[in-house]
Amino acid sequence: MYKAFYNLERNPFEITPDPSFLFATAKHNEALASLYYGVRRHKGFVVLTGEVGTGKTLVLRCLLQSLQQSSDVAYAYIFNGLLSPLEFLQYIASDLGIAQASNNKAELLLQIARFLIARGQKKLTTVVVVDEAHLLSPEILEEIRLLTNLETADGKLLQILLVGQPELDDKLDSAGLRQLKQRIALRSHLAPLNAEETRGYIQRRLKFGGSPNPAALFPPETCAAVYRHAKGLPRLINTICENALIAGYARKTQSITPDMIDDIAKDFRLDVQTPTAKKEKTLPELDVQEAAKMFLLLSARLRGGDWAEAEGEERGALAVSLAERFSGRVKKPS
């Protein structure tokens, strides 16, 4: 509804990953080059990580668009990591076009191996692309590692691209996956945009959408407000700017102001910090008991009580009783 009002030919802030809207920062160029080089040079494993909304899927779509133009590349694109190992292999086989894929894991692996060998003999490239790879179980990651055992003297017969949130790095750094980690040939990380990149991102989006004067529609101070609230995350930048255009249209204003951005951020609760569970400060059980004993001993000495005359077991019972009263967690020894 606002496109005619702002003389736009298309929506400049769609949140869908359209490759034509890629804002090629140095980080994005490096990530895209790393993925493309890994596939074309048959490097085997390539990993791309980044926070939510940094543009990982958009970079991936740009790569796939490039690969689709090559007749020698076949790829399977997996966007759901919450699969069993067998379902994961079946998904790969189906997406690669392996006819009548078996429901038996051993036979399925054999079919995939034959498919890869046949393509390798023809100098063809086969790729498995996994988006949201941080959701993959260790069992699936191990299956992926075993698939890359198929290789020739020239390189791997199967190229694996793992794309996910920083949790993927943590998973790959675990001791149980050290064999997989050692096989990673290229690794990139997408960071959020800085303030200058955010302004360039907004201006390019507006220009690509057909805006005759992007700088007048979103002045520098407005772009700075967007950066402050979006923290350089392209997905949030799109959400804020999209709603800003709607608000601007409603107010019939030709320029988006920082105050409008602040109001939108408030409506979306972008400045509300996600509450984190506070770590309860507790003492180890033995420390609580020891503190209770010391407290009782001091109290007995001050009052001239019976602590000194009590036997060892009786002292322990008294100490544990007081510890339970203070901590609510210490159990009496059986």
C-alpha atoms as a PDB file:
ATOM      1  CA  MET A   1       0.000   0.000   0.000  1.00  0.00           C
ATOM      2  CA  TYR A   2       2.926   2.332   0.639  1.00  0.00           C
ATOM      3  CA  LYS A   3       4.750   1.560  -2.627  1.00  0.00           C
ATOM      4  CA  ALA A   4       2.819   4.083  -4.703  1.00  0.00           C
ATOM      5  CA  PHE A   5       3.116   6.724  -1.984  1.00  0.00           C
ATOM      6  CA  TYR A   6       6.924   6.373  -1.895  1.00  0.00           C
ATOM      7  CA  ASN A   7       7.281   5.702  -5.636  1.00  0.00           C
ATOM      8  CA  LEU A   8       8.596   2.196  -5.047  1.00  0.00           C
ATOM      9  CA  GLU A   9       8.453  -0.535  -7.655  1.00  0.00           C
ATOM     10  CA  ARG A  10       8.774  -3.402  -5.171  1.00  0.00           C
ATOM     11  CA  ASN A  11       8.887  -4.030  -1.464  1.00  0.00           C
ATOM     12  CA  PRO A  12      12.486  -3.210  -0.458  1.00  0.00           C
ATOM     13  CA  PHE A  13      12.446  -4.925   2.926  1.00  0.00           C
ATOM     14  CA  GLU A  14      11.052  -8.379   2.337  1.00  0.00           C
ATOM     15  CA  ILE A  15      12.400 -10.799   4.940  1.00  0.00           C
ATOM     16  CA  THR A  16      12.455 -13.725   2.495  1.00  0.00           C
ATOM     17  CA  PRO A  17      16.039 -14.528   1.370  1.00  0.00           C
ATOM     18  CA  ASP A  18      15.992 -13.103  -2.163  1.00  0.00           C
ATOM     19  CA  PRO A  19      19.500 -13.379  -3.724  1.00  0.00           C
ATOM     20  CA  SER A  20      18.936 -10.217  -5.731  1.00  0.00           C
ATOM     21  CA  PHE A  21      18.899  -8.238  -2.477  1.00  0.00           C
ATOM     22  CA  LEU A  22      22.274  -9.470  -1.228  1.00  0.00           C
ATOM     23  CA  PHE A  23      24.262  -6.604   0.287  1.00  0.00           C
ATOM     24  CA  ALA A  24      27.783  -7.763  -0.392  1.00  0.00           C
ATOM     25  CA  THR A  25      29.822  -6.707   2.610  1.00  0.00           C
ATOM     26  CA  ALA A  26      33.347  -8.042   2.996  1.00  0.00           C
ATOM     27  CA  LYS A  27      32.007 -10.657   5.434  1.00  0.00           C
ATOM     28  CA  HIS A  28      29.310 -11.849   3.056  1.00  0.00           C
ATOM     29  CA  ASN A  29      31.704 -11.940   0.108  1.00  0.00           C
ATOM     30  CA  GLU A  30      34.162 -13.998   2.128  1.00  0.00           C
ATOM     31  CA  ALA A  31      31.452 -16.427   3.225  1.00  0.00           C
ATOM     32  CA  LEU A  32      30.092 -16.839  -0.297  1.00  0.00           C
ATOM     33  CA  ALA A  33      33.569 -17.276  -1.771  1.00  0.00           C
ATOM     34  CA  SER A  34      34.419 -19.860   0.881  1.00  0.00           C
ATOM     35  CA  LEU A  35      31.324 -21.920   0.107  1.00  0.00           C
ATOM     36  CA  TYR A  36      31.815 -21.718  -3.643  1.00  0.00           C
ATOM     37  CA  TYR A  37      35.519 -22.531  -3.471  1.00  0.00           C
ATOM     38  CA  GLY A  38      34.870 -25.490  -1.181  1.00  0.00           C
ATOM     39  CA  VAL A  39      32.359 -26.965  -3.616  1.00  0.00           C
ATOM     40  CA  ARG A  40      34.319 -26.348  -6.790  1.00  0.00           C
ATOM     41  CA  ARG A  41      37.633 -27.570  -5.374  1.00  0.00           C
ATOM     42  CA  HIS A  42      36.039 -30.645  -3.815  1.00  0.00           C
ATOM     43  CA  LYS A  43      37.279 -29.784  -0.336  1.00  0.00           C
ATOM     44  CA  GLY A  44      34.727 -31.957   1.451  1.00  0.00           C
ATOM     45  CA  PHE A  45      33.543 -30.103   4.535  1.00  0.00           C
ATOM     46  CA  VAL A  46      32.753 -26.378   4.634  1.00  0.00           C
ATOM     47  CA  VAL A  47      31.105 -24.697   7.632  1.00  0.00           C
ATOM     48  CA  LEU A  48      29.349 -21.319   7.847  1.00  0.00           C
ATOM     49  CA  THR A  49      28.016 -20.007  11.144  1.00  0.00           C
ATOM     50  CA  GLY A  50      26.365 -16.798  12.282  1.00  0.00           C
ATOM     51  CA  GLU A  51      23.825 -15.446  14.720  1.00  0.00           C
ATOM     52  CA  VAL A  52      20.111 -15.530  13.965  1.00  0.00           C
ATOM     53  CA  GLY A  53      19.266 -12.997  11.251  1.00  0.00           C
ATOM     54  CA  THR A  54      22.781 -12.311   9.957  1.00  0.00           C
ATOM     55  CA  GLY A  55      21.953 -13.512   6.428  1.00  0.00           C
ATOM     56  CA  LYS A  56      23.283 -17.083   6.355  1.00  0.00           C
ATOM     57  CA  THR A  57      20.336 -18.450   4.375  1.00  0.00           C
ATOM     58  CA  LEU A  58      20.552 -15.558   1.916  1.00  0.00           C
ATOM     59  CA  VAL A  59      24.232 -16.322   1.264  1.00  0.00           C
ATOM     60  CA  LEU A  60      23.285 -19.958   0.837  1.00  0.00           C
ATOM     61  CA  ARG A  61      20.550 -19.096  -1.661  1.00  0.00           C
ATOM     62  CA  CYS A  62      23.034 -17.023  -3.661  1.00  0.00           C
ATOM     63  CA  LEU A  63      25.362 -20.014  -3.793  1.00  0.00           C
ATOM     64  CA  LEU A  64      22.591 -22.400  -4.868  1.00  0.00           C
ATOM     65  CA  GLN A  65      21.467 -19.958  -7.550  1.00  0.00           C
ATOM     66  CA  SER A  66      25.013 -19.972  -8.896  1.00  0.00           C
ATOM     67  CA  LEU A  67      25.241 -23.769  -8.734  1.00  0.00           C
ATOM     68  CA  GLN A  68      21.923 -24.178 -10.550  1.00  0.00           C
ATOM     69  CA  GLN A  69      23.475 -22.489 -13.564  1.00  0.00           C
ATOM     70  CA  SER A  70      26.106 -25.241 -13.763  1.00  0.00           C
ATOM     71  CA  SER A  71      25.146 -28.490 -15.445  1.00  0.00           C
ATOM     72  CA  ASP A  72      27.828 -30.486 -13.642  1.00  0.00           C
ATOM     73  CA  VAL A  73      26.504 -29.900 -10.093  1.00  0.00           C
ATOM     74  CA  ALA A  74      23.754 -31.814  -8.305  1.00  0.00           C
ATOM     75  CA  TYR A  75      22.808 -30.936  -4.754  1.00  0.00           C
ATOM     76  CA  ALA A  76      20.491 -31.964  -1.955  1.00  0.00           C
ATOM     77  CA  TYR A  77      19.200 -29.114   0.197  1.00  0.00           C
ATOM     78  CA  ILE A  78      18.173 -30.047   3.728  1.00  0.00           C
ATOM     79  CA  PHE A  79      16.516 -27.377   5.870  1.00  0.00           C
ATOM     80  CA  ASN A  80      15.285 -29.594   8.696  1.00  0.00           C
ATOM     81  CA  GLY A  81      17.918 -31.019  11.004  1.00  0.00           C
ATOM     82  CA  LEU A  82      15.420 -32.732  13.310  1.00  0.00           C
ATOM     83  CA  LEU A  83      15.564 -36.073  11.509  1.00  0.00           C
ATOM     84  CA  SER A  84      16.695 -39.549  12.399  1.00  0.00           C
ATOM     85  CA  PRO A  85      19.883 -40.813  10.694  1.00  0.00           C
ATOM     86  CA  LEU A  86      17.829 -43.016   8.354  1.00  0.00           C
ATOM     87  CA  GLU A  87      15.417 -40.181   7.487  1.00  0.00           C
ATOM     88  CA  PHE A  88      18.379 -37.918   6.844  1.00  0.00           C
ATOM     89  CA  LEU A  89      19.920 -40.387   4.379  1.00  0.00           C
ATOM     90  CA  GLN A  90      16.544 -40.958   2.701  1.00  0.00           C
ATOM     91  CA  TYR A  91      16.114 -37.198   2.297  1.00  0.00           C
ATOM     92  CA  ILE A  92      19.532 -36.945   0.639  1.00  0.00           C
ATOM     93  CA  ALA A  93      18.789 -39.831  -1.726  1.00  0.00           C
ATOM     94  CA  SER A  94      15.390 -38.405  -2.674  1.00  0.00           C
ATOM     95  CA  ASP A  95      16.695 -34.888  -3.295  1.00  0.00           C
ATOM     96  CA  LEU A  96      19.574 -36.204  -5.400  1.00  0.00           C
ATOM     97  CA  GLY A  97      17.098 -38.128  -7.530  1.00  0.00           C
ATOM     98  CA  ILE A  98      18.173 -41.634  -6.568  1.00  0.00           C
ATOM     99  CA  ALA A  99      15.282 -43.752  -7.767  1.00  0.00           C
ATOM    100  CA  GLN A 100      13.622 -46.266  -5.445  1.00  0.00           C
ATOM    101  CA  ALA A 101      15.771 -45.466  -2.439  1.00  0.00           C
ATOM    102  CA  SER A 102      15.770 -48.346   0.030  1.00  0.00           C
ATOM    103  CA  ASN A 103      14.297 -48.262   3.525  1.00  0.00           C
ATOM    104  CA  ASN A 104      17.169 -50.417   4.712  1.00  0.00           C
ATOM    105  CA  LYS A 105      20.066 -48.308   5.941  1.00  0.00           C
ATOM    106  CA  ALA A 106      22.809 -50.594   4.632  1.00  0.00           C
ATOM    107  CA  GLU A 107      21.235 -50.802   1.173  1.00  0.00           C
ATOM    108  CA  LEU A 108      20.564 -47.061   1.173  1.00  0.00           C
ATOM    109  CA  LEU A 109      24.211 -46.292   1.931  1.00  0.00           C
ATOM    110  CA  LEU A 110      25.236 -48.607  -0.870  1.00  0.00           C
ATOM    111  CA  GLN A 111      22.900 -46.835  -3.302  1.00  0.00           C
ATOM    112  CA  ILE A 112      24.260 -43.425  -2.332  1.00  0.00           C
ATOM    113  CA  ALA A 113      27.848 -44.682  -2.640  1.00  0.00           C
ATOM    114  CA  ARG A 114      27.218 -46.057  -6.134  1.00  0.00           C
ATOM    115  CA  PHE A 115      25.560 -42.795  -7.143  1.00  0.00           C
ATOM    116  CA  LEU A 116      28.524 -40.741  -5.945  1.00  0.00           C
ATOM    117  CA  ILE A 117      31.092 -43.023  -7.568  1.00  0.00           C
ATOM    118  CA  ALA A 118      29.242 -42.910 -10.899  1.00  0.00           C
ATOM    119  CA  ARG A 119      29.136 -39.125 -10.826  1.00  0.00           C
ATOM    120  CA  GLY A 120      32.760 -38.924  -9.735  1.00  0.00           C
ATOM    121  CA  GLN A 121      33.847 -41.001 -12.713  1.00  0.00           C
ATOM    122  CA  LYS A 122      32.160 -38.434 -14.967  1.00  0.00           C
ATOM    123  CA  LYS A 123      33.910 -35.540 -13.161  1.00  0.00           C
ATOM    124  CA  LEU A 124      30.597 -34.300 -11.810  1.00  0.00           C
ATOM    125  CA  THR A 125      30.105 -32.540  -8.466  1.00  0.00           C
ATOM    126  CA  THR A 126      27.641 -33.651  -5.799  1.00  0.00           C
ATOM    127  CA  VAL A 127      26.763 -31.458  -2.827  1.00  0.00           C
ATOM    128  CA  VAL A 128      24.726 -31.875   0.346  1.00  0.00           C
ATOM    129  CA  VAL A 129      23.689 -28.525   1.814  1.00  0.00           C
ATOM    130  CA  VAL A 130      22.379 -28.509   5.381  1.00  0.00           C
ATOM    131  CA  ASP A 131      20.737 -25.337   6.659  1.00  0.00           C
ATOM    132  CA  GLU A 132      19.992 -25.044  10.394  1.00  0.00           C
ATOM    133  CA  ALA A 133      22.813 -27.544  10.878  1.00  0.00           C
ATOM    134  CA  HIS A 134      23.111 -26.692  14.576  1.00  0.00           C
ATOM    135  CA  LEU A 135      20.013 -28.876  15.046  1.00  0.00           C
ATOM    136  CA  LEU A 136      21.749 -32.002  13.734  1.00  0.00           C
ATOM    137  CA  SER A 137      22.286 -34.762  16.239  1.00  0.00           C
ATOM    138  CA  PRO A 138      25.794 -36.165  16.835  1.00  0.00           C
ATOM    139  CA  GLU A 139      24.591 -39.393  15.204  1.00  0.00           C
ATOM    140  CA  ILE A 140      23.707 -37.606  11.950  1.00  0.00           C
ATOM    141  CA  LEU A 141      26.953 -35.651  11.979  1.00  0.00           C
ATOM    142  CA  GLU A 142      28.804 -38.942  12.303  1.00  0.00           C
ATOM    143  CA  GLU A 143      26.855 -40.345   9.322  1.00  0.00           C
ATOM    144  CA  ILE A 144      27.877 -37.281   7.327  1.00  0.00           C
ATOM    145  CA  ARG A 145      31.513 -37.796   8.258  1.00  0.00           C
ATOM    146  CA  LEU A 146      31.390 -41.406   7.128  1.00  0.00           C
ATOM    147  CA  LEU A 147      29.856 -40.371   3.797  1.00  0.00           C
ATOM    148  CA  THR A 148      32.895 -38.213   3.075  1.00  0.00           C
ATOM    149  CA  ASN A 149      35.128 -41.279   3.271  1.00  0.00           C
ATOM    150  CA  LEU A 150      34.288 -41.731  -0.391  1.00  0.00           C
ATOM    151  CA  GLU A 151      37.085 -39.950  -2.205  1.00  0.00           C
ATOM    152  CA  THR A 152      39.554 -40.146  -5.043  1.00  0.00           C
ATOM    153  CA  ALA A 153      43.115 -38.926  -5.384  1.00  0.00           C
ATOM    154  CA  ASP A 154      41.708 -35.633  -6.698  1.00  0.00           C
ATOM    155  CA  GLY A 155      39.218 -34.901  -3.914  1.00  0.00           C
ATOM    156  CA  LYS A 156      36.040 -35.851  -2.092  1.00  0.00           C
ATOM    157  CA  LEU A 157      33.151 -37.370  -4.034  1.00  0.00           C
ATOM    158  CA  LEU A 158      30.627 -35.635  -1.770  1.00  0.00           C
ATOM    159  CA  GLN A 159      30.802 -32.001  -0.716  1.00  0.00           C
ATOM    160  CA  ILE A 160      29.147 -31.076   2.589  1.00  0.00           C
ATOM    161  CA  LEU A 161      28.070 -27.544   3.462  1.00  0.00           C
ATOM    162  CA  LEU A 162      26.962 -27.070   7.066  1.00  0.00           C
ATOM    163  CA  VAL A 163      25.261 -23.756   7.798  1.00  0.00           C
ATOM    164  CA  GLY A 164      23.948 -22.886  11.238  1.00  0.00           C
ATOM    165  CA  GLN A 165      23.959 -20.778  14.371  1.00  0.00           C
ATOM    166  CA  PRO A 166      27.007 -20.499  16.676  1.00  0.00           C
ATOM    167  CA  GLU A 167      25.780 -23.560  18.559  1.00  0.00           C
ATOM    168  CA  LEU A 168      27.083 -25.531  15.582  1.00  0.00           C
ATOM    169  CA  ASP A 169      30.617 -24.405  16.433  1.00  0.00           C
ATOM    170  CA  ASP A 170      30.154 -25.616  19.993  1.00  0.00           C
ATOM    171  CA  LYS A 171      28.872 -28.951  18.742  1.00  0.00           C
ATOM    172  CA  LEU A 172      31.769 -29.406  16.323  1.00  0.00           C
ATOM    173  CA  ASP A 173      34.233 -28.510  19.071  1.00  0.00           C
ATOM    174  CA  SER A 174      33.000 -31.362  21.272  1.00  0.00           C
ATOM    175  CA  ALA A 175      35.379 -34.240  21.909  1.00  0.00           C
ATOM    176  CA  GLY A 176      33.016 -36.769  20.354  1.00  0.00           C
ATOM    177  CA  LEU A 177      33.157 -35.002  16.985  1.00  0.00           C
ATOM    178  CA  ARG A 178      36.882 -34.277  16.857  1.00  0.00           C
ATOM    179  CA  GLN A 179      37.287 -36.531  13.802  1.00  0.00           C
ATOM    180  CA  LEU A 180      34.698 -34.478  11.933  1.00  0.00           C
ATOM    181  CA  LYS A 181      36.241 -31.199  13.059  1.00  0.00           C
ATOM    182  CA  GLN A 182      39.636 -32.240  11.666  1.00  0.00           C
ATOM    183  CA  ARG A 183      38.053 -32.764   8.236  1.00  0.00           C
ATOM    184  CA  ILE A 184      36.643 -29.240   7.949  1.00  0.00           C
ATOM    185  CA  ALA A 185      38.514 -27.588   5.097  1.00  0.00           C
ATOM    186  CA  LEU A 186      36.987 -24.092   5.241  1.00  0.00           C
ATOM    187  CA  ARG A 187      35.197 -22.268   8.028  1.00  0.00           C
ATOM    188  CA  SER A 188      33.513 -18.837   7.960  1.00  0.00           C
ATOM    189  CA  HIS A 189      31.482 -16.762  10.390  1.00  0.00           C
ATOM    190  CA  LEU A 190      28.938 -14.061   9.541  1.00  0.00           C
ATOM    191  CA  ALA A 191      28.957 -11.182  12.008  1.00  0.00           C
ATOM    192  CA  PRO A 192      26.254  -8.471  12.246  1.00  0.00           C
ATOM    193  CA  LEU A 193      26.628  -5.313  10.155  1.00  0.00           C
ATOM    194  CA  ASN A 194      28.333  -2.288  11.643  1.00  0.00           C
ATOM    195  CA  ALA A 195      26.734   1.168  11.663  1.00  0.00           C
ATOM    196  CA  GLU A 196      28.116   2.203   8.267  1.00  0.00           C
ATOM    197  CA  GLU A 197      27.173  -1.111   6.680  1.00  0.00           C
ATOM    198  CA  THR A 198      23.674  -0.820   8.112  1.00  0.00           C
ATOM    199  CA  ARG A 199      23.210   2.562   6.448  1.00  0.00           C
ATOM    200  CA  GLY A 200      24.543   1.181   3.157  1.00  0.00           C
ATOM    201  CA  TYR A 201      22.271  -1.844   3.487  1.00  0.00           C
ATOM    202  CA  ILE A 202      19.174   0.316   3.946  1.00  0.00           C
ATOM    203  CA  GLN A 203      20.104   2.668   1.094  1.00  0.00           C
ATOM    204  CA  ARG A 204      20.792  -0.207  -1.296  1.00  0.00           C
ATOM    205  CA  ARG A 205      17.520  -1.915  -0.437  1.00  0.00           C
ATOM    206  CA  LEU A 206      15.581   1.288  -1.039  1.00  0.00           C
ATOM    207  CA  LYS A 207      17.401   1.957  -4.291  1.00  0.00           C
ATOM    208  CA  PHE A 208      16.787  -1.580  -5.506  1.00  0.00           C
ATOM    209  CA  GLY A 209      13.138  -1.174  -4.584  1.00  0.00           C
ATOM    210  CA  GLY A 210      12.935   1.833  -6.877  1.00  0.00           C
ATOM    211  CA  SER A 211      13.182   4.726  -4.411  1.00  0.00           C
ATOM    212  CA  PRO A 212      14.175   7.926  -6.246  1.00  0.00           C
ATOM    213  CA  ASN A 213      15.876   9.369  -3.166  1.00  0.00           C
ATOM    214  CA  PRO A 214      16.801   6.775  -0.506  1.00  0.00           C
ATOM    215  CA  ALA A 215      18.832   9.239   1.589  1.00  0.00           C
ATOM    216  CA  ALA A 216      15.836  11.562   1.931  1.00  0.00           C
ATOM    217  CA  LEU A 217      13.465   8.736   2.836  1.00  0.00           C
ATOM    218  CA  PHE A 218      15.826   7.261   5.453  1.00  0.00           C
ATOM    219  CA  PRO A 219      18.242  10.047   6.538  1.00  0.00           C
ATOM    220  CA  PRO A 220      21.549   9.122   8.239  1.00  0.00           C
ATOM    221  CA  GLU A 221      20.188   9.811  11.729  1.00  0.00           C
ATOM    222  CA  THR A 222      17.268   7.445  11.034  1.00  0.00           C
ATOM    223  CA  CYS A 223      19.638   4.736   9.819  1.00  0.00           C
ATOM    224  CA  ALA A 224      21.629   5.220  13.019  1.00  0.00           C
ATOM    225  CA  ALA A 225      18.460   4.635  15.042  1.00  0.00           C
ATOM    226  CA  VAL A 226      17.760   1.463  13.063  1.00  0.00           C
ATOM    227  CA  TYR A 227      21.260   0.209  13.777  1.00  0.00           C
ATOM    228  CA  ARG A 228      20.911   0.985  17.468  1.00  0.00           C
ATOM    229  CA  HIS A 229      17.785  -1.146  17.771  1.00  0.00           C
ATOM    230  CA  ALA A 230      18.566  -3.885  15.229  1.00  0.00           C
ATOM    231  CA  LYS A 231      22.200  -4.224  16.351  1.00  0.00           C
ATOM    232  CA  GLY A 232      23.250  -4.826  12.757  1.00  0.00           C
ATOM    233  CA  LEU A 233      21.083  -7.905  12.153  1.00  0.00           C
ATOM    234  CA  PRO A 234      19.675  -7.717   8.580  1.00  0.00           C
ATOM    235  CA  ARG A 235      16.467  -9.550   9.455  1.00  0.00           C
ATOM    236  CA  LEU A 236      15.649  -7.068  12.212  1.00  0.00           C
ATOM    237  CA  ILE A 237      16.674  -4.168   9.973  1.00  0.00           C
ATOM    238  CA  ASN A 238      14.130  -5.366   7.406  1.00  0.00           C
ATOM    239  CA  THR A 239      11.396  -5.710  10.026  1.00  0.00           C
ATOM    240  CA  ILE A 240      11.994  -2.245  11.457  1.00  0.00           C
ATOM    241  CA  CYS A 241      12.237  -0.531   8.068  1.00  0.00           C
ATOM    242  CA  GLU A 242       9.181  -2.307   6.687  1.00  0.00           C
ATOM    243  CA  ASN A 243       7.082  -1.135   9.618  1.00  0.00           C
ATOM    244  CA  ALA A 244       8.609   2.337   9.382  1.00  0.00           C
ATOM    245  CA  LEU A 245       7.366   2.649   5.790  1.00  0.00           C
ATOM    246  CA  ILE A 246       3.900   1.552   6.865  1.00  0.00           C
ATOM    247  CA  ALA A 247       3.907   4.096   9.703  1.00  0.00           C
ATOM    248  CA  GLY A 248       5.241   6.805   7.396  1.00  0.00           C
ATOM    249  CA  TYR A 249       2.495   6.104   4.886  1.00  0.00           C
ATOM    250  CA  ALA A 250      -0.122   6.317   7.637  1.00  0.00           C
ATOM    251  CA  ARG A 251       1.274   9.706   8.709  1.00  0.00           C
ATOM    252  CA  LYS A 252       1.703  10.857   5.100  1.00  0.00           C
ATOM    253  CA  THR A 253       5.311  11.830   5.699  1.00  0.00           C
ATOM    254  CA  GLN A 254       8.018  11.670   3.037  1.00  0.00           C
ATOM    255  CA  SER A 255      10.837  11.087   5.507  1.00  0.00           C
ATOM    256  CA  ILE A 256      11.198   8.479   8.237  1.00  0.00           C
ATOM    257  CA  THR A 257      12.393  10.014  11.513  1.00  0.00           C
ATOM    258  CA  PRO A 258      14.400   8.470  14.382  1.00  0.00           C
ATOM    259  CA  ASP A 259      11.390   8.922  16.687  1.00  0.00           C
ATOM    260  CA  MET A 260       9.339   6.679  14.414  1.00  0.00           C
ATOM    261  CA  ILE A 261      12.055   4.035  14.580  1.00  0.00           C
ATOM    262  CA  ASP A 262      12.110   4.273  18.383  1.00  0.00           C
ATOM    263  CA  ASP A 263       8.333   3.790  18.521  1.00  0.00           C
ATOM    264  CA  ILE A 264       8.516   0.720  16.288  1.00  0.00           C
ATOM    265  CA  ALA A 265      11.317  -0.776  18.351  1.00  0.00           C
ATOM    266  CA  LYS A 266       9.220  -0.224  21.458  1.00  0.00           C
ATOM    267  CA  ASP A 267       6.197  -1.904  19.857  1.00  0.00           C
ATOM    268  CA  PHE A 268       8.317  -4.918  18.921  1.00  0.00           C
ATOM    269  CA  ARG A 269       9.992  -4.919  22.353  1.00  0.00           C
ATOM    270  CA  LEU A 270      13.408  -4.973  20.721  1.00  0.00           C
ATOM    271  CA  ASP A 271      15.060  -3.341  23.712  1.00  0.00           C
ATOM    272  CA  VAL A 272      13.672  -5.878  26.170  1.00  0.00           C
ATOM    273  CA  GLN A 273      16.422  -8.209  27.270  1.00  0.00           C
ATOM    274  CA  THR A 274      15.620 -11.894  27.323  1.00  0.00           C
ATOM    275  CA  PRO A 275      15.573 -12.936  30.962  1.00  0.00           C
ATOM    276  CA  THR A 276      18.236 -15.427  31.849  1.00  0.00           C
ATOM    277  CA  ALA A 277      18.005 -17.886  34.663  1.00  0.00           C
ATOM    278  CA  LYS A 278      20.003 -16.599  37.605  1.00  0.00           C
ATOM    279  CA  LYS A 279      22.472 -19.093  38.910  1.00  0.00           C
ATOM    280  CA  GLU A 280      21.564 -19.867  42.487  1.00  0.00           C
ATOM    281  CA  LYS A 281      24.391 -19.237  44.857  1.00  0.00           C
ATOM    282  CA  THR A 282      24.660 -22.346  46.992  1.00  0.00           C
ATOM    283  CA  LEU A 283      27.359 -23.850  49.077  1.00  0.00           C
ATOM    284  CA  PRO A 284      28.358 -27.463  48.660  1.00  0.00           C
ATOM    285  CA  GLU A 285      26.605 -29.789  51.082  1.00  0.00           C
ATOM    286  CA  LEU A 286      29.679 -30.444  53.197  1.00  0.00           C
ATOM    287  CA  ASP A 287      30.420 -26.721  53.485  1.00  0.00           C
ATOM    288  CA  VAL A 288      26.878 -26.062  54.743  1.00  0.00           C
ATOM    289  CA  GLN A 289      27.171 -28.808  57.321  1.00  0.00           C
ATOM    290  CA  GLU A 290      30.581 -27.611  58.441  1.00  0.00           C
ATOM    291  CA  ALA A 291      29.276 -24.058  58.799  1.00  0.00           C
ATOM    292  CA  ALA A 292      26.350 -25.355  60.875  1.00  0.00           C
ATOM    293  CA  LYS A 293      28.712 -27.228  63.161  1.00  0.00           C
ATOM    294  CA  MET A 294      30.835 -24.161  63.698  1.00  0.00           C
ATOM    295  CA  PHE A 295      27.741 -22.073  64.383  1.00  0.00           C
ATOM    296  CA  LEU A 296      26.456 -24.560  66.980  1.00  0.00           C
ATOM    297  CA  LEU A 297      29.850 -24.848  68.629  1.00  0.00           C
ATOM    298  CA  LEU A 298      30.167 -21.085  68.922  1.00  0.00           C
ATOM    299  CA  SER A 299      26.613 -20.784  70.244  1.00  0.00           C
ATOM    300  CA  ALA A 300      27.181 -23.532  72.808  1.00  0.00           C
ATOM    301  CA  ARG A 301      30.328 -21.895  74.075  1.00  0.00           C
ATOM    302  CA  LEU A 302      28.585 -18.571  74.428  1.00  0.00           C
ATOM    303  CA  ARG A 303      25.600 -20.076  76.249  1.00  0.00           C
ATOM    304  CA  GLY A 304      27.468 -22.775  78.130  1.00  0.00           C
ATOM    305  CA  GLY A 305      25.227 -25.342  76.485  1.00  0.00           C
ATOM    306  CA  ASP A 306      25.537 -29.090  76.132  1.00  0.00           C
ATOM    307  CA  TRP A 307      27.381 -29.155  72.787  1.00  0.00           C
ATOM    308  CA  ALA A 308      30.691 -30.103  74.373  1.00  0.00           C
ATOM    309  CA  GLU A 309      29.050 -32.995  76.238  1.00  0.00           C
ATOM    310  CA  ALA A 310      27.256 -34.379  73.173  1.00  0.00           C
ATOM    311  CA  GLU A 311      28.607 -37.449  71.395  1.00  0.00           C
ATOM    312  CA  GLY A 312      29.864 -37.323  67.794  1.00  0.00           C
ATOM    313  CA  GLU A 313      26.688 -38.749  66.230  1.00  0.00           C
ATOM    314  CA  GLU A 314      24.509 -36.362  68.221  1.00  0.00           C
ATOM    315  CA  ARG A 315      26.618 -33.419  67.067  1.00  0.00           C
ATOM    316  CA  GLY A 316      26.281 -34.539  63.474  1.00  0.00           C
ATOM    317  CA  ALA A 317      22.498 -34.816  63.814  1.00  0.00           C
ATOM    318  CA  LEU A 318      22.261 -31.346  65.319  1.00  0.00           C
ATOM    319  CA  ALA A 319      24.468 -29.900  62.599  1.00  0.00           C
ATOM    320  CA  VAL A 320      22.495 -31.506  59.788  1.00  0.00           C
ATOM    321  CA  SER A 321      19.218 -30.334  61.309  1.00  0.00           C
ATOM    322  CA  LEU A 322      20.384 -26.746  61.368  1.00  0.00           C
ATOM    323  CA  ALA A 323      21.842 -27.048  57.872  1.00  0.00           C
ATOM    324  CA  GLU A 324      18.461 -28.203  56.560  1.00  0.00           C
ATOM    325  CA  ARG A 325      16.800 -25.242  58.185  1.00  0.00           C
ATOM    326  CA  PHE A 326      19.174 -22.799  56.485  1.00  0.00           C
ATOM    327  CA  SER A 327      19.561 -24.409  53.070  1.00  0.00           C
ATOM    328  CA  GLY A 328      16.445 -26.504  52.564  1.00  0.00           C
ATOM    329  CA  ARG A 329      18.557 -28.846  50.450  1.00  0.00           C
ATOM    330  CA  VAL A 330      20.945 -30.776  52.712  1.00  0.00           C
ATOM    331  CA  LYS A 331      19.831 -34.303  53.489  1.00  0.00           C
ATOM    332  CA  LYS A 332      20.577 -36.208  56.641  1.00  0.00           C
ATOM    333  CA  PRO A 333      23.078 -38.983  56.110  1.00  0.00           C
ATOM    334  CA  SER A 334      21.493 -42.414  56.137  1.00  0.00           C
END
